[in-house]
């Protein structure tokens, strides 16, 4: 059974038992991601990124919702994943060759 299937089963279980979804997550399976935060907050991963990075173009209500989920999941950004998202991964390119 894949990780996504397990997450889906936990979500369905939390809905049927009225138990918070974050109480069913375990840290030993894998670290929480931006997508996990987005799913639980009911927003897109782009919004989560904006909130985590401190952008000002997010409503107060949405920001509070995302920050609440971030604290419940004890989410912290993965530095390696962030570096992969940057152009060239911080490596300068030789131009004109």
Foldseek 3Di string as FASTA:
>chain_A
DDPVVVLVVLVVVCVVVVNDSLVVDDVVVDQDDLCNLCVSLVHDSVLLVCLVVVPPPDDPVSSVSSVVSCVSSVDDDDPVVVLVPDPPSPDDDDPDD
